[in-house]
Amino acid sequence: MDLMAGDILINTRKFGHAGLGVCNSMGRALTTLSSPATRAIDVIHATNDGIVYGWGLKAYVYRPNDLTYGDARKIARIADEIRSGSQYGAARAVFKSWSGSSAFGKDARTRLAKYRERLALRDTAGGTTPIVKHVFCSEFVILCYQLALGEDHRLFIRLDAMHTLPSGLKKHLDQNAANWRMVGEIDAA
């Protein structure tokens, strides 16, 4: 199976792990049966080794319905921005992911506004402050979508990234079949 930019990979193990298919900034639009899309050149994910490229796990592949070429490139750019300034947050994964609700509420909006401010500073003033200092795997995937797409975008993932485990992300994607579909499983990518 060809991975497309914007695909979300969730390891098939019960506890799971999440990653994101990304294109490069020069990736060409491909014509598929339903819409233009961009083939993924790699998978990026947050691990104990940091935020890294490559994937070697069996995973379910979730594909956004009709992700535009422009949005795929925005998501890939955000993934690279986060990768360049963030570290894997082992304590965050263990403690924060379990300690709150994954509902997208006031705290999630406040945190996201702070990250958007940091992103804007990096974009306009050449700031070096990381968008987010520590992330874990599903948080990273969710933030890439949230920061690349506006809250009114149909593919905006309405979860509190800091409090959502891969299993919670999978459940959200399964429950939003109008925007996401599980296209199959891969052994490794």
C-alpha atoms as a PDB file:
ATOM      1  CA  MET A   1       0.000   0.000   0.000  1.00  0.00           C
ATOM      2  CA  ASP A   2       1.293   3.451  -0.862  1.00  0.00           C
ATOM      3  CA  LEU A   3       1.258   5.848   2.069  1.00  0.00           C
ATOM      4  CA  MET A   4      -0.085   9.303   1.362  1.00  0.00           C
ATOM      5  CA  ALA A   5       0.886  12.537   3.077  1.00  0.00           C
ATOM      6  CA  GLY A   6      -1.479  13.098   5.965  1.00  0.00           C
ATOM      7  CA  ASP A   7      -1.976   9.388   6.673  1.00  0.00           C
ATOM      8  CA  ILE A   8      -2.025   8.590  10.359  1.00  0.00           C
ATOM      9  CA  LEU A   9      -0.408   5.320  11.399  1.00  0.00           C
ATOM     10  CA  ILE A  10      -1.424   3.667  14.639  1.00  0.00           C
ATOM     11  CA  ASN A  11       0.503   0.617  15.763  1.00  0.00           C
ATOM     12  CA  THR A  12      -1.730  -2.433  16.039  1.00  0.00           C
ATOM     13  CA  ARG A  13      -0.563  -3.321  19.561  1.00  0.00           C
ATOM     14  CA  LYS A  14      -3.145  -2.722  22.273  1.00  0.00           C
ATOM     15  CA  PHE A  15      -1.198   0.192  23.825  1.00  0.00           C
ATOM     16  CA  GLY A  16      -0.143   1.434  20.396  1.00  0.00           C
ATOM     17  CA  HIS A  17       2.050   4.125  18.963  1.00  0.00           C
ATOM     18  CA  ALA A  18       1.196   6.816  16.390  1.00  0.00           C
ATOM     19  CA  GLY A  19       2.987   8.346  13.417  1.00  0.00           C
ATOM     20  CA  LEU A  20       2.279  10.674  10.496  1.00  0.00           C
ATOM     21  CA  GLY A  21       2.948  10.285   6.778  1.00  0.00           C
ATOM     22  CA  VAL A  22       4.632  13.414   5.392  1.00  0.00           C
ATOM     23  CA  CYS A  23       5.672  14.725   1.992  1.00  0.00           C
ATOM     24  CA  ASN A  24       8.588  16.980   1.232  1.00  0.00           C
ATOM     25  CA  SER A  25       8.034  20.610   0.327  1.00  0.00           C
ATOM     26  CA  MET A  26       8.669  19.853  -3.325  1.00  0.00           C
ATOM     27  CA  GLY A  27       6.358  16.811  -3.465  1.00  0.00           C
ATOM     28  CA  ARG A  28       4.236  16.750  -6.606  1.00  0.00           C
ATOM     29  CA  ALA A  29       0.479  16.405  -6.516  1.00  0.00           C
ATOM     30  CA  LEU A  30      -0.641  12.970  -7.657  1.00  0.00           C
ATOM     31  CA  THR A  31      -4.020  12.367  -9.228  1.00  0.00           C
ATOM     32  CA  THR A  32      -6.005   9.670  -7.470  1.00  0.00           C
ATOM     33  CA  LEU A  33      -9.477   8.451  -8.259  1.00  0.00           C
ATOM     34  CA  SER A  34     -11.064  10.887  -5.837  1.00  0.00           C
ATOM     35  CA  SER A  35      -8.815  13.931  -5.597  1.00  0.00           C
ATOM     36  CA  PRO A  36      -5.309  15.303  -5.873  1.00  0.00           C
ATOM     37  CA  ALA A  37      -3.069  13.882  -3.172  1.00  0.00           C
ATOM     38  CA  THR A  38       0.569  13.770  -2.237  1.00  0.00           C
ATOM     39  CA  ARG A  39       2.498  10.539  -1.794  1.00  0.00           C
ATOM     40  CA  ALA A  40       4.233  10.285   1.570  1.00  0.00           C
ATOM     41  CA  ILE A  41       7.986  10.201   1.358  1.00  0.00           C
ATOM     42  CA  ASP A  42       8.372   9.176   4.975  1.00  0.00           C
ATOM     43  CA  VAL A  43       6.708   8.685   8.343  1.00  0.00           C
ATOM     44  CA  ILE A  44       7.618  10.926  11.254  1.00  0.00           C
ATOM     45  CA  HIS A  45       6.875  10.089  14.876  1.00  0.00           C
ATOM     46  CA  ALA A  46       7.897  10.885  18.441  1.00  0.00           C
ATOM     47  CA  THR A  47       9.862   8.118  20.180  1.00  0.00           C
ATOM     48  CA  ASN A  48      12.314   7.704  23.037  1.00  0.00           C
ATOM     49  CA  ASP A  49      14.992   8.534  20.448  1.00  0.00           C
ATOM     50  CA  GLY A  50      13.361  11.899  19.701  1.00  0.00           C
ATOM     51  CA  ILE A  51      11.152  12.967  16.836  1.00  0.00           C
ATOM     52  CA  VAL A  52      12.408  10.795  14.026  1.00  0.00           C
ATOM     53  CA  TYR A  53      11.754   9.713  10.477  1.00  0.00           C
ATOM     54  CA  GLY A  54      11.123   6.081   9.621  1.00  0.00           C
ATOM     55  CA  TRP A  55       8.639   3.482  10.791  1.00  0.00           C
ATOM     56  CA  GLY A  56       9.131  -0.203  11.379  1.00  0.00           C
ATOM     57  CA  LEU A  57       5.916  -1.301  13.058  1.00  0.00           C
ATOM     58  CA  LYS A  58       2.761  -3.040  11.962  1.00  0.00           C
ATOM     59  CA  ALA A  59       0.088  -0.347  11.852  1.00  0.00           C
ATOM     60  CA  TYR A  60      -3.438   0.579  10.891  1.00  0.00           C
ATOM     61  CA  VAL A  61      -3.412   3.335   8.286  1.00  0.00           C
ATOM     62  CA  TYR A  62      -6.036   6.078   8.547  1.00  0.00           C
ATOM     63  CA  ARG A  63      -6.425   8.402   5.582  1.00  0.00           C
ATOM     64  CA  PRO A  64      -8.177  11.770   5.648  1.00  0.00           C
ATOM     65  CA  ASN A  65     -10.898  12.079   3.033  1.00  0.00           C
ATOM     66  CA  ASP A  66      -9.974  14.612   0.361  1.00  0.00           C
ATOM     67  CA  LEU A  67      -6.937  16.174   2.026  1.00  0.00           C
ATOM     68  CA  THR A  68      -5.770  18.909  -0.322  1.00  0.00           C
ATOM     69  CA  TYR A  69      -2.250  19.092  -1.652  1.00  0.00           C
ATOM     70  CA  GLY A  70      -1.778  22.452   0.101  1.00  0.00           C
ATOM     71  CA  ASP A  71      -3.002  21.126   3.439  1.00  0.00           C
ATOM     72  CA  ALA A  72      -0.719  18.070   3.159  1.00  0.00           C
ATOM     73  CA  ARG A  73       2.253  20.371   2.689  1.00  0.00           C
ATOM     74  CA  LYS A  74       1.188  22.551   5.665  1.00  0.00           C
ATOM     75  CA  ILE A  75       0.957  19.474   7.889  1.00  0.00           C
ATOM     76  CA  ALA A  76       4.411  18.290   6.747  1.00  0.00           C
ATOM     77  CA  ARG A  77       5.887  21.748   7.421  1.00  0.00           C
ATOM     78  CA  ILE A  78       4.428  21.814  10.940  1.00  0.00           C
ATOM     79  CA  ALA A  79       5.764  18.304  11.595  1.00  0.00           C
ATOM     80  CA  ASP A  80       9.229  19.451  10.600  1.00  0.00           C
ATOM     81  CA  GLU A  81       8.938  22.641  12.702  1.00  0.00           C
ATOM     82  CA  ILE A  82       7.987  20.631  15.781  1.00  0.00           C
ATOM     83  CA  ARG A  83      10.717  18.061  15.082  1.00  0.00           C
ATOM     84  CA  SER A  84      13.377  20.744  14.828  1.00  0.00           C
ATOM     85  CA  GLY A  85      12.723  22.174  18.287  1.00  0.00           C
ATOM     86  CA  SER A  86      11.073  19.511  20.415  1.00  0.00           C
ATOM     87  CA  GLN A  87      12.110  16.501  22.400  1.00  0.00           C
ATOM     88  CA  TYR A  88      10.250  13.342  23.231  1.00  0.00           C
ATOM     89  CA  GLY A  89       8.407  13.775  26.509  1.00  0.00           C
ATOM     90  CA  ALA A  90       8.531  10.420  28.262  1.00  0.00           C
ATOM     91  CA  ALA A  91       7.133  11.855  31.508  1.00  0.00           C
ATOM     92  CA  ARG A  92       4.474  13.695  29.525  1.00  0.00           C
ATOM     93  CA  ALA A  93       3.464  10.447  27.814  1.00  0.00           C
ATOM     94  CA  VAL A  94       3.294   8.528  31.082  1.00  0.00           C
ATOM     95  CA  PHE A  95       1.676  11.135  33.329  1.00  0.00           C
ATOM     96  CA  LYS A  96      -0.106  13.792  31.257  1.00  0.00           C
ATOM     97  CA  SER A  97      -1.659  11.463  28.694  1.00  0.00           C
ATOM     98  CA  TRP A  98      -3.550   9.600  31.428  1.00  0.00           C
ATOM     99  CA  SER A  99      -4.275  12.463  33.804  1.00  0.00           C
ATOM    100  CA  GLY A 100      -6.951  14.435  32.003  1.00  0.00           C
ATOM    101  CA  SER A 101      -9.776  14.302  29.547  1.00  0.00           C
ATOM    102  CA  SER A 102      -9.103  14.031  25.830  1.00  0.00           C
ATOM    103  CA  ALA A 103     -12.084  16.328  25.148  1.00  0.00           C
ATOM    104  CA  PHE A 104     -11.120  19.472  23.230  1.00  0.00           C
ATOM    105  CA  GLY A 105     -11.960  22.098  25.838  1.00  0.00           C
ATOM    106  CA  LYS A 106     -10.710  25.364  27.317  1.00  0.00           C
ATOM    107  CA  ASP A 107      -7.297  24.065  28.437  1.00  0.00           C
ATOM    108  CA  ALA A 108      -6.605  22.496  25.046  1.00  0.00           C
ATOM    109  CA  ARG A 109      -7.583  25.747  23.285  1.00  0.00           C
ATOM    110  CA  THR A 110      -5.335  27.800  25.588  1.00  0.00           C
ATOM    111  CA  ARG A 111      -2.375  25.493  24.989  1.00  0.00           C
ATOM    112  CA  LEU A 112      -2.996  25.510  21.239  1.00  0.00           C
ATOM    113  CA  ALA A 113      -3.133  29.337  21.216  1.00  0.00           C
ATOM    114  CA  LYS A 114       0.279  29.412  22.951  1.00  0.00           C
ATOM    115  CA  TYR A 115       1.704  27.030  20.339  1.00  0.00           C
ATOM    116  CA  ARG A 116       0.230  29.133  17.513  1.00  0.00           C
ATOM    117  CA  GLU A 117       1.916  32.240  18.990  1.00  0.00           C
ATOM    118  CA  ARG A 118       5.267  30.479  19.085  1.00  0.00           C
ATOM    119  CA  LEU A 119       4.787  29.273  15.514  1.00  0.00           C
ATOM    120  CA  ALA A 120       3.975  32.803  14.364  1.00  0.00           C
ATOM    121  CA  LEU A 121       7.117  34.131  16.085  1.00  0.00           C
ATOM    122  CA  ARG A 122       9.223  31.486  14.355  1.00  0.00           C
ATOM    123  CA  ASP A 123       7.638  32.337  11.004  1.00  0.00           C
ATOM    124  CA  THR A 124       7.780  36.138  11.211  1.00  0.00           C
ATOM    125  CA  ALA A 125      10.676  37.028  13.470  1.00  0.00           C
ATOM    126  CA  GLY A 126      12.895  34.015  13.011  1.00  0.00           C
ATOM    127  CA  GLY A 127      12.323  33.049  16.621  1.00  0.00           C
ATOM    128  CA  THR A 128      14.030  30.002  18.022  1.00  0.00           C
ATOM    129  CA  THR A 129      11.595  29.140  20.809  1.00  0.00           C
ATOM    130  CA  PRO A 130      10.271  25.627  20.198  1.00  0.00           C
ATOM    131  CA  ILE A 131       6.591  25.463  19.309  1.00  0.00           C
ATOM    132  CA  VAL A 132       6.228  22.801  21.974  1.00  0.00           C
ATOM    133  CA  LYS A 133       9.138  21.638  24.128  1.00  0.00           C
ATOM    134  CA  HIS A 134       8.115  18.027  24.741  1.00  0.00           C
ATOM    135  CA  VAL A 135       5.670  15.795  22.876  1.00  0.00           C
ATOM    136  CA  PHE A 136       4.710  12.153  22.759  1.00  0.00           C
ATOM    137  CA  CYS A 137       3.560  10.224  19.694  1.00  0.00           C
ATOM    138  CA  SER A 138      -0.200  10.803  19.466  1.00  0.00           C
ATOM    139  CA  GLU A 139       0.160  14.352  20.808  1.00  0.00           C
ATOM    140  CA  PHE A 140       2.612  15.081  17.983  1.00  0.00           C
ATOM    141  CA  VAL A 141       0.234  13.774  15.290  1.00  0.00           C
ATOM    142  CA  ILE A 142      -2.742  15.702  16.666  1.00  0.00           C
ATOM    143  CA  LEU A 143      -0.775  18.948  17.021  1.00  0.00           C
ATOM    144  CA  CYS A 144       0.429  18.714  13.418  1.00  0.00           C
ATOM    145  CA  TYR A 145      -3.184  18.683  12.231  1.00  0.00           C
ATOM    146  CA  GLN A 146      -4.330  21.310  14.727  1.00  0.00           C
ATOM    147  CA  LEU A 147      -1.551  23.787  13.956  1.00  0.00           C
ATOM    148  CA  ALA A 148      -1.730  23.313  10.183  1.00  0.00           C
ATOM    149  CA  LEU A 149      -5.512  23.559   9.885  1.00  0.00           C
ATOM    150  CA  GLY A 150      -7.917  26.048  11.405  1.00  0.00           C
ATOM    151  CA  GLU A 151     -10.354  24.957  14.069  1.00  0.00           C
ATOM    152  CA  ASP A 152     -13.201  25.291  11.550  1.00  0.00           C
ATOM    153  CA  HIS A 153     -11.517  22.877   9.086  1.00  0.00           C
ATOM    154  CA  ARG A 154     -13.359  19.553   8.849  1.00  0.00           C
ATOM    155  CA  LEU A 155     -10.089  17.606   9.390  1.00  0.00           C
ATOM    156  CA  PHE A 156      -9.132  19.529  12.545  1.00  0.00           C
ATOM    157  CA  ILE A 157      -8.769  16.833  15.222  1.00  0.00           C
ATOM    158  CA  ARG A 158     -10.967  17.909  18.127  1.00  0.00           C
ATOM    159  CA  LEU A 159      -9.037  16.271  20.943  1.00  0.00           C
ATOM    160  CA  ASP A 160      -6.859  17.566  23.748  1.00  0.00           C
ATOM    161  CA  ALA A 161      -3.539  16.474  22.274  1.00  0.00           C
ATOM    162  CA  MET A 162      -1.731  16.357  25.620  1.00  0.00           C
ATOM    163  CA  HIS A 163      -4.318  13.979  27.088  1.00  0.00           C
ATOM    164  CA  THR A 164      -4.900  11.638  24.139  1.00  0.00           C
ATOM    165  CA  LEU A 165      -3.238   8.257  23.816  1.00  0.00           C
ATOM    166  CA  PRO A 166      -2.976   6.470  20.449  1.00  0.00           C
ATOM    167  CA  SER A 167      -6.022   4.368  21.378  1.00  0.00           C
ATOM    168  CA  GLY A 168      -8.037   7.574  21.936  1.00  0.00           C
ATOM    169  CA  LEU A 169      -6.886   8.966  18.592  1.00  0.00           C
ATOM    170  CA  LYS A 170      -7.852   5.689  16.887  1.00  0.00           C
ATOM    171  CA  LYS A 171     -11.295   5.797  18.511  1.00  0.00           C
ATOM    172  CA  HIS A 172     -11.755   9.407  17.338  1.00  0.00           C
ATOM    173  CA  LEU A 173     -10.793   8.524  13.758  1.00  0.00           C
ATOM    174  CA  ASP A 174     -13.073   5.463  13.768  1.00  0.00           C
ATOM    175  CA  GLN A 175     -15.991   7.602  14.973  1.00  0.00           C
ATOM    176  CA  ASN A 176     -15.439  10.244  12.264  1.00  0.00           C
ATOM    177  CA  ALA A 177     -15.953   8.151   9.131  1.00  0.00           C
ATOM    178  CA  ALA A 178     -17.171  11.200   7.195  1.00  0.00           C
ATOM    179  CA  ASN A 179     -13.622  12.588   7.353  1.00  0.00           C
ATOM    180  CA  TRP A 180     -11.377   9.564   7.982  1.00  0.00           C
ATOM    181  CA  ARG A 181     -11.197   6.004   6.743  1.00  0.00           C
ATOM    182  CA  MET A 182      -9.034   3.079   7.743  1.00  0.00           C
ATOM    183  CA  VAL A 183      -7.487   2.023   4.438  1.00  0.00           C
ATOM    184  CA  GLY A 184      -5.681  -1.066   5.654  1.00  0.00           C
ATOM    185  CA  GLU A 185      -2.730  -2.354   7.593  1.00  0.00           C
ATOM    186  CA  ILE A 186       0.955  -2.256   6.837  1.00  0.00           C
ATOM    187  CA  ASP A 187       3.683  -4.464   8.249  1.00  0.00           C
ATOM    188  CA  ALA A 188       6.274  -1.686   8.156  1.00  0.00           C
ATOM    189  CA  ALA A 189       6.858   1.538   6.236  1.00  0.00           C
END
